[in-house]
Protein backbone atom coordinates (compact mmCIF):
# COMPACT_ATOMS: atom_id res chain seq x y z
CA MET A 1 158.26 -38.25 202.44
CA THR A 2 155.11 -39.72 203.94
CA LYS A 3 153.99 -43.07 202.68
CA THR A 4 150.35 -43.77 202.28
CA ALA A 5 149.06 -47.24 203.33
CA MET A 6 147.43 -49.08 200.53
CA LYS A 7 144.38 -51.26 201.02
CA SER A 8 142.20 -52.62 198.31
CA ASN A 9 138.62 -52.78 199.38
CA ALA A 10 137.10 -53.04 195.87
CA GLY A 11 134.12 -55.38 195.90
CA LYS A 12 134.18 -55.84 199.71
CA PRO A 13 131.06 -55.01 201.73
CA ARG A 14 131.02 -51.70 203.37
CA MET A 15 130.06 -52.85 206.87
CA SER A 16 130.21 -49.37 208.20
CA LEU A 17 126.93 -48.57 206.31
CA LEU A 18 124.95 -50.60 208.86
CA PRO A 19 123.77 -48.92 212.07
CA PRO A 20 126.05 -50.16 214.85
CA ALA A 21 123.71 -49.54 217.72
CA ALA A 22 120.96 -51.55 216.01
CA LEU A 23 123.53 -54.39 215.35
CA VAL A 24 124.52 -54.42 219.04
CA ASP A 25 120.82 -54.70 220.00
CA ILE A 26 120.52 -57.76 217.71
CA VAL A 27 123.68 -59.28 219.28
CA ARG A 28 122.12 -58.76 222.70
CA VAL A 29 119.07 -60.68 221.61
CA ARG A 30 121.28 -63.51 220.48
CA GLU A 31 123.16 -63.45 223.84
CA PHE A 32 119.80 -63.67 225.56
CA GLY A 33 118.84 -66.59 223.27
CA CYS A 34 122.05 -68.38 224.02
CA GLN A 35 121.07 -68.45 227.74
CA LYS A 36 117.79 -70.11 226.77
CA TYR A 37 118.92 -72.30 223.91
CA ASP A 38 122.14 -73.67 222.52
CA ASP A 39 124.43 -71.09 220.92
CA TRP A 40 123.88 -72.49 217.39
CA ASP A 41 120.32 -73.81 217.89
CA TRP A 42 119.13 -71.58 215.03
CA THR A 43 121.30 -73.55 212.60
CA LYS A 44 119.43 -76.78 213.20
CA ALA A 45 117.03 -77.83 210.45
CA ARG A 46 113.84 -76.31 211.90
CA PRO A 47 110.83 -74.97 209.98
CA TRP A 48 111.31 -71.44 208.55
CA THR A 49 107.84 -70.49 209.78
CA GLU A 50 108.99 -70.78 213.40
CA TYR A 51 111.19 -67.81 212.74
CA SER A 52 108.80 -65.81 210.54
CA ASP A 53 106.01 -66.36 213.21
CA ALA A 54 108.34 -65.15 215.90
CA ALA A 55 109.43 -62.10 213.86
CA GLU A 56 105.77 -61.26 213.20
CA ARG A 57 104.79 -61.63 216.86
CA HIS A 58 107.57 -59.19 217.85
CA ILE A 59 106.52 -56.72 215.09
CA MET A 60 102.88 -56.90 216.22
CA ALA A 61 103.82 -56.31 219.86
CA TRP A 62 105.99 -53.34 218.90
CA ALA A 63 103.17 -51.97 216.62
CA ALA A 64 100.72 -52.27 219.57
CA GLY A 65 102.97 -49.94 221.56
CA GLN A 66 105.15 -52.40 223.55
CA ASP A 67 108.74 -51.34 222.87
CA ASN A 68 110.53 -54.19 224.79
CA ASP A 69 109.91 -57.91 225.15
CA GLU A 70 108.60 -58.73 228.64
CA GLU A 71 110.77 -61.82 228.91
CA SER A 72 114.14 -60.45 227.78
CA GLY A 73 113.66 -56.73 228.31
CA LEU A 74 115.15 -56.25 224.84
CA ASN A 75 113.56 -54.27 222.00
CA HIS A 76 110.94 -56.13 219.98
CA LEU A 77 112.40 -54.83 216.80
CA ALA A 78 115.74 -56.21 217.62
CA HIS A 79 114.03 -59.63 218.25
CA ALA A 80 112.22 -59.34 214.90
CA ALA A 81 115.43 -58.36 213.09
CA CYS A 82 117.32 -61.24 214.57
CA ASN A 83 114.67 -63.70 213.30
CA MET A 84 114.67 -62.03 209.88
CA LEU A 85 118.48 -62.38 209.67
CA PHE A 86 117.99 -66.12 210.38
CA LEU A 87 115.44 -66.29 207.59
CA LEU A 88 117.69 -64.45 205.19
CA GLU A 89 120.50 -66.84 205.97
CA PHE A 90 118.20 -69.83 205.42
CA ALA A 91 116.99 -68.34 202.15
CA LYS A 92 120.53 -67.84 200.90
CA SER A 93 121.94 -71.16 202.14
CA GLY A 94 118.89 -73.41 201.88
CA ALA A 95 119.24 -74.48 205.50
CA GLY A 96 116.34 -75.39 207.68
CA LYS A 97 112.96 -76.46 206.27
CA ASP A 98 111.22 -74.20 203.86
CA ASP A 99 107.72 -74.78 205.00
CA ARG A 100 106.14 -71.68 203.73
CA PRO A 101 102.58 -72.34 202.31
CA THR A 102 102.47 -72.02 198.56
CA GLY A 103 99.59 -70.90 196.33
CA LEU A 104 97.73 -69.09 199.02
CA VAL A 105 98.41 -65.51 198.11
CA GLU A 106 99.07 -63.90 194.85
CA PHE A 107 100.41 -60.37 194.78
CA PRO A 108 99.14 -58.40 191.78
CA ASP A 109 101.52 -56.19 189.84
CA TYR A 110 100.86 -52.78 191.15
CA ASP A 111 102.58 -49.68 192.37
CA PRO A 112 101.61 -49.07 196.00
CA ARG A 113 102.13 -45.40 195.47
CA GLN A 114 99.19 -45.44 193.07
CA ILE A 115 96.51 -46.29 195.65
CA ASP A 116 93.00 -45.28 194.51
CA ILE A 117 91.67 -43.82 197.72
CA GLU A 118 88.08 -44.60 196.63
CA ASP A 119 89.02 -48.33 196.74
CA VAL A 120 90.35 -48.20 200.25
CA ILE A 121 87.85 -48.57 203.12
CA VAL A 122 89.18 -48.34 206.65
CA GLU A 123 86.45 -48.03 209.21
CA GLY A 124 86.94 -45.21 211.67
CA MET A 125 89.98 -43.66 209.86
CA PRO A 126 89.40 -40.07 208.70
CA LEU A 127 89.64 -39.49 204.91
CA GLU A 128 92.55 -37.09 205.52
CA GLU A 129 94.62 -39.81 207.20
CA LEU A 130 93.88 -42.27 204.31
CA GLN A 131 94.99 -39.70 201.82
CA LYS A 132 98.21 -39.17 203.74
CA LEU A 133 98.87 -42.91 203.72
CA ALA A 134 98.24 -42.99 200.01
CA GLY A 135 100.68 -40.05 199.50
CA GLY A 136 97.95 -37.63 198.49
CA THR A 137 97.10 -34.38 200.15
CA ALA A 138 94.51 -33.87 202.79
């Protein structure tokens, strides 16, 4: 008779759902950061916008076609993801200094899939491309 091992995983996070290669890239970013800063520097009470600014800079560099950070040689998206993980931890724990500006932007209630193409003006972009972005047909 073969015995089956019992393991109760009910309610536990399924870590295997996350992409391992991407997680390794984020860890490599942290390892690079540990050479530059203290290992736990990110846990010090610094303004949240330092991390959101850094994440946005990395996303903008990536969006402009630069895959890897010039200083570290690591993927800009891994850098951005690392900063976003710090921000998520701060938001959950209340750590750091929440210095986000308030009252500057209000997001209206809307369904982004219901974009009225007539209300969108993007200079230099063909109408067909705008329609694709809006989920319509060209």
